[in-house]
Amino acid sequence: MRHKKKNTKEAVAKEMEWQERHGVLKIAEEQDIVIVGGGICGLATALALHRKGIRSLVLERSETLRAAGVGIIMQPNGWRALDQLGIASKLRETAIDIPSGQFITVDDGKRRELSLGKGELRCLKRMDLVKALAEPLPEDTVHLGCQVLSIILDPVTSYPIIQLHNGSIIKTKIVIGCDGVNSIISKFLGINSPKLFSRCATRGFTYYERGHEFGDMFSIYNSENVQLGQLPVTDKLVYWFLTRSLTFQDSDASKKDSAYIKEASTEAMKGFPRDIVEMIKNSEPKALYLTELRYRTPWDMVRAKFRRGTVAVAGDAMHAMCPFISQGGGASLEDAVVLARCLSEKYNQAANQSQIGRKKMVEEALDMYVKERRMRLFWLSLQTYLIGLTLDNTSKMKKVLGIVILILIFGDQKSHTDYDCGHL
């Protein structure tokens, strides 16, 4: 068996050498750390490493910095991470503080207080967050239009080798996959693909030239099959999100059709207050997004191997979750802070080590990161999963089960916002 493995490695090495020699593959400059994905998590990871004096290269497949989605709800745990990244003060200037919330039952109009937890809550424009993360980075950190096709481990050194869509090859010592729900790096690690939930989410912005009258409150409107959340970003801009049952009409083509998205949303909101329906009708067409809801199960958080060699994942590539507790973005920022802290502790020590010693220390750092994040992500995923069961229209048994377990385990359903990822 050992002889066979050795022959396989030699064959791969010879094939790559032949391709390089004949111009099929273009070997790029070797890198120390490559981050795959230039979304919120990828940029946050690059910035966290930069703050620790560690350079990285970010590969983003889009031709521009992307901000999939519209708004992002930032809760106290997320602000703690932003403080560590050094951009919280700047972002606070872009969005108003939201001190209170209300839960409104559409059928009877009853209102009750909506607990927001302890601390700061604001709704940011995703593009504001992306820009704030990208601006402090050194020039030439982010490379746009770089789509990663595959990743393998060098048969000689066991370090990662990345192939890009243009045939280029990047040899690197560390790869961090921040490439989202459909992550190539997650597949390389053998992590189960995210599951599809029975509901979809529509998100949008509505601009009020003369100012809106919703105040500084987070409101959730709930009917039997539809739930709508509404938050002010500024005194003139409102972010809203709507979840409803996924239908066969919500095809890939429909997701890009703003007219369909608006029509489907207003159709689902029969019986909702008039000013809320008008808010949907007057939303900005370019800021409308319809997405399926995908998630990794809580048990994946426990048993998945998030590190292989010097390759690891963060953000949605690690813990895709439905938006029911609004922690996808906040958890990704936490990932960035913890990962940079763990790497920096070992990275400088590894400078004087042999190649094998350096690789071992990097693997130890990534294991520290995974260990610290695993149970935090398990509890977030479990709470999100259980709330999803309560919203699932396919089974009354699932609804009851979800409600009972939520009450038993998560008495304080906002305790997830108390988490502190620690100093960078």
Protein backbone atom coordinates (compact mmCIF):
# COMPACT_ATOMS: atom_id res chain seq x y z
CA MET A 1 0.00 0.00 0.00
CA ARG A 2 2.82 2.41 0.85
CA HIS A 3 4.52 1.64 -2.47
CA LYS A 4 1.30 2.34 -4.35
CA LYS A 5 0.75 5.66 -2.53
CA LYS A 6 4.31 6.73 -3.34
CA ASN A 7 3.82 5.88 -7.02
CA THR A 8 0.58 7.90 -7.07
CA LYS A 9 2.33 10.94 -5.58
CA GLU A 10 5.18 10.63 -8.07
CA ALA A 11 2.69 10.38 -10.94
CA VAL A 12 0.85 13.54 -9.84
CA ALA A 13 4.14 15.42 -9.41
CA LYS A 14 5.38 14.33 -12.87
CA GLU A 15 2.05 15.29 -14.49
CA MET A 16 2.16 18.78 -12.93
CA GLU A 17 5.83 19.16 -13.95
CA TRP A 18 4.97 18.19 -17.55
CA GLN A 19 2.05 20.59 -17.68
CA GLU A 20 4.15 23.42 -16.27
CA ARG A 21 7.00 22.72 -18.73
CA HIS A 22 4.63 22.67 -21.72
CA GLY A 23 2.81 25.85 -20.74
CA VAL A 24 -0.48 24.21 -19.84
CA LEU A 25 -0.22 25.49 -16.28
CA LYS A 26 1.23 28.87 -15.30
CA ILE A 27 2.92 28.80 -11.92
CA ALA A 28 2.31 32.05 -10.07
CA GLU A 29 4.46 33.49 -7.33
CA GLU A 30 4.32 31.41 -4.17
CA GLN A 31 2.24 32.83 -1.34
CA ASP A 32 2.21 32.36 2.43
CA ILE A 33 -1.54 32.73 3.05
CA VAL A 34 -4.31 32.67 0.45
CA ILE A 35 -7.90 33.52 1.39
CA VAL A 36 -10.45 32.20 -1.10
CA GLY A 37 -13.43 34.56 -1.25
CA GLY A 38 -13.56 38.33 -0.92
CA GLY A 39 -16.91 38.68 0.83
CA ILE A 40 -17.40 39.82 4.41
CA CYS A 41 -15.60 36.88 6.02
CA GLY A 42 -12.70 36.84 3.55
CA LEU A 43 -12.04 40.57 3.90
CA ALA A 44 -12.47 40.44 7.69
CA THR A 45 -9.94 37.59 7.89
CA ALA A 46 -7.46 39.51 5.73
CA LEU A 47 -7.93 42.62 7.88
CA ALA A 48 -7.55 40.69 11.14
CA LEU A 49 -4.31 39.14 9.87
CA HIS A 50 -3.12 42.58 8.68
CA ARG A 51 -3.73 44.01 12.14
CA LYS A 52 -1.45 41.27 13.47
CA GLY A 53 1.25 42.11 10.92
CA ILE A 54 0.59 39.08 8.69
CA ARG A 55 0.15 39.53 4.95
CA SER A 56 -2.37 37.53 2.94
CA LEU A 57 -3.72 37.34 -0.58
CA VAL A 58 -7.49 37.41 -1.18
CA LEU A 59 -8.86 35.75 -4.32
CA GLU A 60 -12.33 37.00 -5.29
CA ARG A 61 -14.07 35.51 -8.33
CA SER A 62 -16.22 38.60 -9.05
CA GLU A 63 -14.84 41.54 -11.03
CA THR A 64 -15.81 43.91 -8.21
CA LEU A 65 -15.99 43.63 -4.44
CA ARG A 66 -19.22 41.80 -3.75
CA ALA A 67 -21.87 42.27 -1.10
CA ALA A 68 -24.42 39.51 -1.66
CA GLY A 69 -27.62 40.67 -0.03
CA VAL A 70 -28.76 44.08 1.12
CA GLY A 71 -28.61 44.84 4.81
CA ILE A 72 -26.91 43.03 7.65
CA ILE A 73 -28.14 43.10 11.24
CA MET A 74 -25.19 43.63 13.56
CA GLN A 75 -25.80 42.55 17.17
CA PRO A 76 -23.57 43.11 20.24
CA ASN A 77 -21.27 40.13 19.56
CA GLY A 78 -20.69 41.39 16.02
CA TRP A 79 -19.85 44.89 17.26
CA ARG A 80 -17.27 43.42 19.65
CA ALA A 81 -15.57 41.77 16.68
CA LEU A 82 -15.77 44.99 14.64
CA ASP A 83 -14.17 46.87 17.52
CA GLN A 84 -11.26 44.41 17.43
CA LEU A 85 -10.94 44.91 13.66
CA GLY A 86 -10.75 48.67 14.21
CA ILE A 87 -13.70 49.71 12.00
CA ALA A 88 -16.64 49.83 14.41
CA SER A 89 -16.50 53.61 14.98
CA LYS A 90 -16.64 54.33 11.26
CA LEU A 91 -19.59 52.00 10.73
CA ARG A 92 -21.54 53.46 13.64
CA GLU A 93 -21.71 56.71 11.68
CA THR A 94 -23.57 54.96 8.84
CA ALA A 95 -26.52 53.48 10.79
CA ILE A 96 -28.74 54.52 13.70
CA ASP A 97 -28.92 52.64 16.99
CA ILE A 98 -32.00 50.46 17.46
CA PRO A 99 -32.89 50.33 21.17
CA SER A 100 -36.19 48.44 21.13
CA GLY A 101 -38.35 46.03 19.21
CA GLN A 102 -41.94 44.88 18.81
CA PHE A 103 -43.57 41.65 17.66
CA ILE A 104 -46.90 42.16 15.87
CA THR A 105 -49.42 39.42 15.12
CA VAL A 106 -51.00 40.34 11.79
CA ASP A 107 -54.32 38.52 12.25
CA ASP A 108 -55.38 40.36 15.42
CA GLY A 109 -52.97 43.32 15.46
CA LYS A 110 -51.69 42.47 18.95
CA ARG A 111 -48.26 43.83 19.86
CA ARG A 112 -45.73 42.69 22.42
CA GLU A 113 -42.21 43.67 23.26
CA LEU A 114 -39.46 42.04 21.20
CA SER A 115 -36.34 41.40 23.25
CA LEU A 116 -33.17 42.54 21.50
CA GLY A 117 -30.72 41.39 24.13
CA LYS A 118 -28.19 43.54 25.94
CA GLY A 119 -26.10 45.99 24.00
CA GLU A 120 -25.83 47.59 20.61
CA LEU A 121 -27.92 46.70 17.58
CA ARG A 122 -27.77 48.45 14.23
CA CYS A 123 -28.59 47.50 10.66
CA LEU A 124 -25.72 48.14 8.24
CA LYS A 125 -25.69 48.32 4.49
CA ARG A 126 -23.63 45.34 3.41
CA MET A 127 -21.66 47.45 0.96
CA ASP A 128 -20.71 49.87 3.73
CA LEU A 129 -19.34 46.94 5.72
CA VAL A 130 -17.44 45.51 2.74
CA LYS A 131 -15.84 48.89 2.00
CA ALA A 132 -14.90 49.42 5.64
CA LEU A 133 -13.20 46.02 5.71
CA ALA A 134 -11.39 46.52 2.40
CA GLU A 135 -10.11 50.09 2.75
CA PRO A 136 -7.45 49.48 5.45
CA LEU A 137 -5.92 46.55 3.56
CA PRO A 138 -2.56 47.03 1.82
CA GLU A 139 -2.65 47.61 -1.90
CA ASP A 140 -2.69 44.44 -3.99
CA THR A 141 -4.19 42.33 -1.17
CA VAL A 142 -7.46 41.67 -3.00
CA HIS A 143 -7.27 40.16 -6.49
CA LEU A 144 -10.55 40.37 -8.40
CA GLY A 145 -11.69 38.08 -11.20
CA CYS A 146 -9.85 35.11 -9.72
CA GLN A 147 -12.11 32.07 -9.68
CA VAL A 148 -10.70 29.02 -7.91
CA LEU A 149 -11.43 25.81 -9.79
CA SER A 150 -9.70 23.25 -7.59
CA ILE A 151 -7.32 22.65 -4.72
CA ILE A 152 -4.95 19.76 -4.07
CA LEU A 153 -2.09 19.06 -1.69
CA ASP A 154 1.41 19.05 -3.12
CA PRO A 155 2.48 15.36 -3.24
CA VAL A 156 5.96 16.33 -1.99
CA THR A 157 5.46 19.12 0.58
CA SER A 158 1.74 18.52 1.44
CA TYR A 159 1.18 22.27 1.10
CA PRO A 160 -1.92 23.44 -0.86
CA ILE A 161 -1.86 24.10 -4.59
CA ILE A 162 -4.70 26.16 -6.06
CA GLN A 163 -5.74 26.17 -9.71
CA LEU A 164 -7.54 29.23 -11.10
CA HIS A 165 -9.98 29.42 -14.01
CA ASN A 166 -7.32 30.96 -16.30
CA GLY A 167 -4.98 28.02 -15.81
CA SER A 168 -2.75 29.74 -13.27
CA ILE A 169 -1.44 27.78 -10.31
CA ILE A 170 -0.76 29.25 -6.88
CA LYS A 171 1.40 27.39 -4.40
CA THR A 172 0.77 28.51 -0.86
CA LYS A 173 1.48 27.48 2.71
CA ILE A 174 -2.01 28.20 4.11
CA VAL A 175 -5.47 28.35 2.54
CA ILE A 176 -8.52 29.79 4.31
CA GLY A 177 -11.78 29.06 2.50
CA CYS A 178 -14.23 31.95 2.88
CA ASP A 179 -16.00 31.10 -0.37
CA GLY A 180 -19.56 30.90 0.85
CA VAL A 181 -22.30 28.30 0.89
CA ASN A 182 -21.16 26.54 -2.29
CA SER A 183 -17.58 26.40 -1.11
CA ILE A 184 -14.94 24.57 -3.16
CA ILE A 185 -12.68 24.49 -0.10
CA SER A 186 -15.43 22.87 2.01
CA LYS A 187 -15.81 20.15 -0.61
CA PHE A 188 -12.05 19.57 -0.51
CA LEU A 189 -12.31 19.11 3.27
CA GLY A 190 -15.14 16.60 2.83
CA ILE A 191 -17.76 18.69 4.65
CA ASN A 192 -21.37 17.76 3.86
CA SER A 193 -23.16 20.03 1.42
CA PRO A 194 -25.66 22.49 2.96
CA LYS A 195 -29.27 21.38 3.09
CA LEU A 196 -32.16 23.28 1.52
CA PHE A 197 -34.82 24.66 3.87
CA SER A 198 -38.52 24.71 2.96
CA ARG A 199 -38.70 28.52 3.01
CA CYS A 200 -37.12 31.35 1.05
CA ALA A 201 -36.12 34.89 2.01
CA THR A 202 -36.65 38.17 0.22
CA ARG A 203 -34.61 41.20 1.28
CA GLY A 204 -34.80 44.81 0.21
CA PHE A 205 -34.29 48.49 0.89
CA THR A 206 -36.96 51.17 0.73
CA TYR A 207 -35.90 54.81 0.57
CA TYR A 208 -38.14 57.60 1.92
CA GLU A 209 -37.06 60.95 0.53
CA ARG A 210 -38.89 62.91 3.24
CA GLY A 211 -38.03 60.44 5.98
CA HIS A 212 -39.92 57.37 7.20
CA GLU A 213 -42.25 57.20 10.19
CA PHE A 214 -41.10 53.88 11.62
CA GLY A 215 -38.84 55.45 14.24
CA ASP A 216 -35.85 53.55 15.64
CA MET A 217 -37.64 50.27 16.32
CA PHE A 218 -37.05 46.72 15.07
CA SER A 219 -40.50 45.36 14.11
CA ILE A 220 -41.48 41.81 13.22
CA TYR A 221 -44.88 41.13 11.64
CA ASN A 222 -46.04 37.55 11.85
CA SER A 223 -48.87 35.73 10.08
CA GLU A 224 -49.48 32.03 9.71
CA ASN A 225 -47.05 31.42 6.83
CA VAL A 226 -45.24 34.72 6.38
CA GLN A 227 -42.90 36.68 8.62
CA LEU A 228 -41.59 40.14 7.86
CA GLY A 229 -38.87 42.03 9.70
CA GLN A 230 -38.28 45.75 9.38
CA LEU A 231 -35.39 47.88 10.66
CA PRO A 232 -34.32 51.47 10.03
CA VAL A 233 -30.82 51.98 8.65
CA THR A 234 -31.06 55.77 8.68
CA ASP A 235 -33.96 58.19 9.10
CA LYS A 236 -34.61 57.83 5.34
CA LEU A 237 -33.68 54.24 4.61
CA VAL A 238 -35.45 51.07 5.83
CA TYR A 239 -34.21 47.50 5.49
CA TRP A 240 -36.79 44.72 5.38
CA PHE A 241 -36.73 40.95 5.03
CA LEU A 242 -39.56 38.51 4.39
CA THR A 243 -39.63 34.73 4.77
CA ARG A 244 -42.31 32.57 3.18
CA SER A 245 -42.77 29.07 1.83
CA LEU A 246 -40.57 28.18 -1.13
CA THR A 247 -42.57 27.48 -4.32
CA PHE A 248 -41.72 25.96 -7.71
CA GLN A 249 -42.15 29.46 -9.21
CA ASP A 250 -39.11 30.68 -7.26
CA SER A 251 -36.76 29.46 -9.99
CA ASP A 252 -33.25 30.68 -10.69
CA ALA A 253 -34.59 33.03 -13.36
CA SER A 254 -37.24 34.45 -11.01
CA LYS A 255 -34.59 35.24 -8.37
CA LYS A 256 -33.10 37.81 -10.75
CA ASP A 257 -36.45 39.33 -11.77
CA SER A 258 -37.19 42.30 -9.51
CA ALA A 259 -40.75 42.60 -10.82
CA TYR A 260 -41.46 38.97 -9.89
CA ILE A 261 -39.82 39.35 -6.49
CA LYS A 262 -41.92 42.39 -5.68
CA GLU A 263 -45.13 40.78 -6.96
CA ALA A 264 -44.55 37.52 -5.09
CA SER A 265 -43.78 39.42 -1.87
CA THR A 266 -46.87 41.62 -2.01
CA GLU A 267 -49.03 38.62 -2.89
CA ALA A 268 -47.77 36.81 0.22
CA MET A 269 -48.60 39.81 2.42
CA LYS A 270 -52.37 39.78 2.22
CA GLY A 271 -53.78 41.17 5.44
CA PHE A 272 -50.61 43.04 6.41
CA PRO A 273 -50.86 46.75 7.35
CA ARG A 274 -51.13 49.05 4.36
CA ASP A 275 -47.95 51.02 5.11
CA ILE A 276 -45.94 47.79 5.22
CA VAL A 277 -47.33 46.59 1.88
CA GLU A 278 -46.55 50.04 0.41
CA MET A 279 -43.01 49.72 1.75
CA ILE A 280 -42.55 46.55 -0.35
CA LYS A 281 -44.14 48.10 -3.43
CA ASN A 282 -41.88 51.16 -3.20
CA SER A 283 -38.67 49.23 -2.58
CA GLU A 284 -35.64 49.86 -4.77
CA PRO A 285 -35.63 47.31 -7.66
CA LYS A 286 -31.82 47.00 -7.70
CA ALA A 287 -31.79 46.19 -3.99
CA LEU A 288 -34.22 43.26 -4.13
CA TYR A 289 -32.87 39.77 -3.44
CA LEU A 290 -34.71 36.45 -3.37
CA THR A 291 -32.71 33.53 -2.03
CA GLU A 292 -33.24 29.95 -1.00
CA LEU A 293 -32.31 29.22 2.61
CA ARG A 294 -29.48 26.74 3.02
CA TYR A 295 -27.91 25.52 6.23
CA ARG A 296 -25.46 23.08 7.74
CA THR A 297 -26.95 20.86 10.42
CA PRO A 298 -25.93 21.22 14.07
CA TRP A 299 -24.42 17.73 13.99
CA ASP A 300 -22.19 18.80 11.08
CA MET A 301 -20.77 21.45 13.41
CA VAL A 302 -19.81 18.69 15.85
CA ARG A 303 -18.38 16.03 13.57
CA ALA A 304 -17.09 17.84 10.46
CA LYS A 305 -13.35 18.13 9.88
CA PHE A 306 -12.79 21.84 9.32
CA ARG A 307 -9.03 21.46 8.84
CA ARG A 308 -6.98 19.30 6.51
CA GLY A 309 -3.27 19.94 6.49
CA THR A 310 -2.91 23.73 6.35
CA VAL A 311 -6.33 24.26 4.77
CA ALA A 312 -9.31 25.48 6.83
CA VAL A 313 -12.64 27.25 6.36
CA ALA A 314 -14.52 30.17 7.90
CA GLY A 315 -17.82 32.02 7.44
CA ASP A 316 -20.62 30.43 5.41
CA ALA A 317 -18.15 27.89 4.02
CA MET A 318 -17.93 26.57 7.57
CA HIS A 319 -21.33 27.28 9.13
CA ALA A 320 -24.01 28.29 6.63
CA MET A 321 -27.16 28.97 8.65
CA CYS A 322 -30.65 30.30 8.08
CA PRO A 323 -31.14 33.96 9.08
CA PHE A 324 -33.60 33.39 11.93
CA ILE A 325 -31.28 34.75 14.66
CA SER A 326 -29.33 37.08 12.35
CA GLN A 327 -25.93 35.66 13.24
CA GLY A 328 -24.40 34.68 9.90
CA GLY A 329 -22.47 37.93 9.55
CA GLY A 330 -21.61 38.33 13.22
CA ALA A 331 -20.33 34.75 13.48
CA SER A 332 -18.16 35.28 10.38
CA LEU A 333 -16.53 38.33 11.97
CA GLU A 334 -15.89 36.26 15.10
CA ASP A 335 -14.24 33.60 12.92
CA ALA A 336 -11.87 36.20 11.48
CA VAL A 337 -10.77 37.51 14.88
CA VAL A 338 -10.25 34.07 16.43
CA LEU A 339 -8.45 32.69 13.36
CA ALA A 340 -6.02 35.62 13.17
CA ARG A 341 -5.33 35.42 16.91
CA CYS A 342 -4.59 31.68 16.79
CA LEU A 343 -2.44 31.95 13.68
CA SER A 344 -0.41 34.90 14.96
CA GLU A 345 0.40 33.07 18.20
CA LYS A 346 2.12 30.28 16.26
CA TYR A 347 3.11 32.08 13.07
CA ASN A 348 5.95 34.15 14.49
CA GLN A 349 7.26 31.19 16.49
CA ALA A 350 7.39 29.12 13.31
CA ALA A 351 9.79 31.50 11.54
CA ASN A 352 12.90 29.76 12.87
CA GLN A 353 11.56 26.23 12.42
CA SER A 354 12.29 23.74 9.67
CA GLN A 355 9.68 23.35 6.91
CA ILE A 356 8.18 20.37 8.72
CA GLY A 357 8.22 22.28 12.02
CA ARG A 358 6.56 25.35 10.47
CA LYS A 359 3.83 23.23 8.90
CA LYS A 360 3.17 21.46 12.20
CA MET A 361 2.86 24.77 14.08
CA VAL A 362 0.41 26.13 11.48
CA GLU A 363 -1.69 22.97 11.80
CA GLU A 364 -1.68 23.40 15.59
CA ALA A 365 -2.86 27.01 15.17
CA LEU A 366 -5.70 25.96 12.87
CA ASP A 367 -6.70 23.22 15.30
CA MET A 368 -6.82 25.83 18.10
CA TYR A 369 -9.10 27.95 15.91
CA VAL A 370 -11.42 25.06 15.06
CA LYS A 371 -11.60 23.94 18.70
CA GLU A 372 -12.52 27.43 19.91
CA ARG A 373 -15.17 27.93 17.25
CA ARG A 374 -16.80 24.50 17.10
CA MET A 375 -19.15 24.61 20.09
CA ARG A 376 -20.03 28.28 19.57
CA LEU A 377 -21.13 27.38 16.04
CA PHE A 378 -22.94 24.26 17.24
CA TRP A 379 -25.16 26.26 19.59
CA LEU A 380 -25.86 28.93 16.96
CA SER A 381 -26.71 26.25 14.40
CA LEU A 382 -28.88 24.32 16.84
CA GLN A 383 -30.91 27.37 17.83
CA THR A 384 -31.36 28.38 14.18
CA TYR A 385 -32.32 24.82 13.23
CA LEU A 386 -34.94 24.59 15.98
CA ILE A 387 -36.48 27.93 15.03
CA GLY A 388 -36.61 26.62 11.48
CA LEU A 389 -38.60 23.62 12.69
CA THR A 390 -41.17 25.95 14.27
CA LEU A 391 -41.58 27.70 10.90
CA ASP A 392 -41.68 24.52 8.83
CA ASN A 393 -45.13 24.08 7.33
CA THR A 394 -44.57 20.47 6.26
CA SER A 395 -45.07 18.88 9.67
CA LYS A 396 -47.01 19.86 12.80
CA MET A 397 -44.92 17.36 14.77
CA LYS A 398 -41.74 19.23 13.77
CA LYS A 399 -43.29 22.51 14.90
CA VAL A 400 -44.18 21.16 18.33
CA LEU A 401 -40.79 19.47 18.71
CA GLY A 402 -38.98 22.67 17.79
CA ILE A 403 -40.95 24.77 20.26
CA VAL A 404 -40.47 22.34 23.15
CA ILE A 405 -36.71 21.96 22.66
CA LEU A 406 -36.26 25.71 22.19
CA ILE A 407 -37.95 26.39 25.51
CA LEU A 408 -35.96 23.68 27.31
CA ILE A 409 -32.53 24.61 25.95
CA PHE A 410 -32.76 28.28 25.01
CA GLY A 411 -34.77 29.93 27.75
CA ASP A 412 -33.07 33.23 26.95
CA GLN A 413 -33.23 33.27 23.18
CA LYS A 414 -30.97 36.35 22.89
CA SER A 415 -28.10 34.93 24.95
CA HIS A 416 -26.20 34.28 21.71
CA THR A 417 -25.56 38.03 21.47
CA ASP A 418 -23.63 37.99 24.79
CA TYR A 419 -20.72 36.10 23.24
CA ASP A 420 -17.32 37.81 23.19
CA CYS A 421 -14.76 36.52 20.67
CA GLY A 422 -11.96 38.10 22.70
CA HIS A 423 -9.05 40.36 21.80
CA LEU A 424 -7.36 40.16 18.45
